[in-house]
Amino acid sequence: MFRLSKRVEYGLMALQHLAKSGNATTREISAARQIPYDLLAKVMQSLKRDGIIDSYQGVHGGYALLISPSSVNLSRVMSALDEEANITECMSSDGVHEQCSMFGNCTIKDPMSKLQMRMEESVGKMTIAELL
């Protein structure tokens, strides 16, 4: 079944935390949400690189959202964290299908492709604001 990676889960938890608190350091988020610090630090850098959050130096430094929580959808977060949510190994969001030994004879690839598109639509509609 469809399952989010730990990177995406932690990214969503961090964005939820920032949406509620305004800003926070990686250490604060790590402690509050019981997320491994080293992995969270990498996740935060990926979210910053994508322009979802920004970092601030100084006494009140840390991270803050650059975009309204209602404007950040889950597919953007997943993309920022280099994750694809494919329901089968042969499906991909760019339309390129990995070859498997059954691809030519597969009787479910078309229905699975439709399911993949519906899933991507749903993930594209859900925002960080809905996690609050």
Protein backbone atom coordinates (compact mmCIF):
# COMPACT_ATOMS: atom_id res chain seq x y z
CA MET A 1 0.00 0.00 0.00
CA PHE A 2 1.00 3.62 -0.41
CA ARG A 3 3.37 4.65 2.34
CA LEU A 4 5.26 7.85 3.03
CA SER A 5 8.97 7.64 3.75
CA LYS A 6 10.36 8.77 7.10
CA ARG A 7 11.89 11.80 5.35
CA VAL A 8 8.45 12.91 4.18
CA GLU A 9 6.81 12.14 7.54
CA TYR A 10 9.46 14.16 9.38
CA GLY A 11 9.21 16.96 6.83
CA LEU A 12 5.46 17.17 7.32
CA MET A 13 5.83 17.11 11.10
CA ALA A 14 8.42 19.91 10.93
CA LEU A 15 6.24 22.03 8.64
CA GLN A 16 3.27 21.46 10.93
CA HIS A 17 5.41 22.59 13.86
CA LEU A 18 6.56 25.72 12.00
CA ALA A 19 3.00 26.54 10.94
CA LYS A 20 1.91 26.45 14.57
CA SER A 21 4.92 28.14 16.19
CA GLY A 22 6.03 30.64 13.55
CA ASN A 23 9.69 29.69 13.76
CA ALA A 24 11.87 27.12 15.46
CA THR A 25 15.32 25.61 15.34
CA THR A 26 16.01 22.10 14.15
CA ARG A 27 16.88 21.14 17.73
CA GLU A 28 13.57 22.50 19.04
CA ILE A 29 11.57 20.62 16.41
CA SER A 30 13.63 17.47 16.95
CA ALA A 31 13.01 17.55 20.69
CA ALA A 32 9.34 18.51 20.49
CA ARG A 33 8.46 15.92 17.84
CA GLN A 34 10.99 13.26 18.87
CA ILE A 35 12.59 13.20 15.42
CA PRO A 36 16.24 12.14 14.98
CA TYR A 37 18.20 15.40 14.76
CA ASP A 38 20.63 14.42 11.99
CA LEU A 39 17.91 13.25 9.63
CA LEU A 40 15.72 16.25 10.42
CA ALA A 41 18.63 18.61 9.66
CA LYS A 42 18.91 17.07 6.17
CA VAL A 43 15.16 17.29 5.67
CA MET A 44 15.15 20.96 6.68
CA GLN A 45 17.94 21.73 4.20
CA SER A 46 15.94 20.07 1.41
CA LEU A 47 12.83 22.08 2.32
CA LYS A 48 14.91 25.25 2.36
CA ARG A 49 16.45 24.43 -1.02
CA ASP A 50 12.93 24.09 -2.45
CA GLY A 51 11.89 27.49 -1.06
CA ILE A 52 9.26 26.20 1.35
CA ILE A 53 11.15 27.41 4.44
CA ASP A 54 14.04 29.78 5.10
CA SER A 55 16.63 29.94 7.83
CA TYR A 56 17.39 32.91 10.05
CA GLN A 57 20.55 33.60 12.03
CA GLY A 58 20.86 35.18 15.45
CA VAL A 59 19.27 34.91 18.86
CA HIS A 60 15.82 34.33 17.38
CA GLY A 61 17.19 32.27 14.52
CA GLY A 62 15.92 29.02 13.16
CA TYR A 63 13.52 28.16 10.37
CA ALA A 64 10.22 29.68 9.31
CA LEU A 65 7.75 29.02 6.53
CA LEU A 66 8.18 31.22 3.47
CA ILE A 67 4.76 30.30 2.14
CA SER A 68 1.33 30.14 3.74
CA PRO A 69 0.51 26.62 5.02
CA SER A 70 -2.56 26.65 2.76
CA SER A 71 -0.30 27.13 -0.27
CA VAL A 72 2.07 24.22 0.36
CA ASN A 73 0.64 20.93 -0.89
CA LEU A 74 1.92 17.53 0.08
CA SER A 75 3.14 16.71 -3.41
CA ARG A 76 5.48 19.71 -3.25
CA VAL A 77 6.87 18.51 0.07
CA MET A 78 7.35 15.02 -1.33
CA SER A 79 9.05 16.41 -4.40
CA ALA A 80 11.33 18.62 -2.28
CA LEU A 81 12.39 15.55 -0.37
CA ASP A 82 13.04 13.58 -3.57
CA GLU A 83 10.30 11.09 -2.92
CA GLU A 84 7.95 9.55 -5.45
CA ALA A 85 4.75 7.98 -4.27
CA ASN A 86 4.33 5.16 -6.73
CA ILE A 87 1.76 2.52 -5.94
CA THR A 88 3.65 -0.16 -7.85
CA GLU A 89 7.26 -0.51 -8.85
CA CYS A 90 6.44 -0.09 -12.53
CA MET A 91 4.50 3.21 -12.16
CA SER A 92 6.12 6.60 -12.16
CA SER A 93 4.70 10.09 -12.06
CA ASP A 94 6.57 11.18 -15.20
CA GLY A 95 4.87 8.50 -17.31
CA VAL A 96 8.01 6.43 -17.74
CA HIS A 97 7.36 2.87 -16.70
CA GLU A 98 10.12 0.74 -15.30
CA GLN A 99 10.38 -2.56 -17.05
CA CYS A 100 9.44 -5.63 -15.11
CA SER A 101 9.19 -9.17 -16.34
CA MET A 102 5.37 -8.94 -16.42
CA PHE A 103 5.00 -5.52 -18.07
CA GLY A 104 3.97 -6.84 -21.50
CA ASN A 105 1.42 -9.27 -20.04
CA CYS A 106 0.23 -7.20 -17.09
CA THR A 107 -3.53 -6.96 -16.86
CA ILE A 108 -3.62 -4.33 -14.10
CA LYS A 109 -1.20 -1.68 -15.36
CA ASP A 110 -3.96 0.50 -16.86
CA PRO A 111 -6.17 0.45 -13.73
CA MET A 112 -3.06 1.01 -11.57
CA SER A 113 -2.10 3.96 -13.76
CA LYS A 114 -5.56 5.49 -13.14
CA LEU A 115 -5.19 4.87 -9.41
CA GLN A 116 -1.73 6.48 -9.50
CA MET A 117 -3.17 9.59 -11.16
CA ARG A 118 -6.00 9.83 -8.61
CA MET A 119 -3.57 9.45 -5.75
CA GLU A 120 -1.34 12.19 -7.17
CA GLU A 121 -4.37 14.47 -7.54
CA SER A 122 -5.35 13.90 -3.90
CA VAL A 123 -1.84 14.48 -2.59
CA GLY A 124 -1.63 17.59 -4.77
CA LYS A 125 -4.78 19.02 -3.21
CA MET A 126 -3.98 18.41 0.46
CA THR A 127 -2.04 21.22 2.13
CA ILE A 128 -0.01 21.73 5.29
CA ALA A 129 -2.91 23.80 6.64
CA GLU A 130 -5.02 20.63 6.68
CA LEU A 131 -2.49 19.01 9.02
CA LEU A 132 -3.05 21.64 11.72
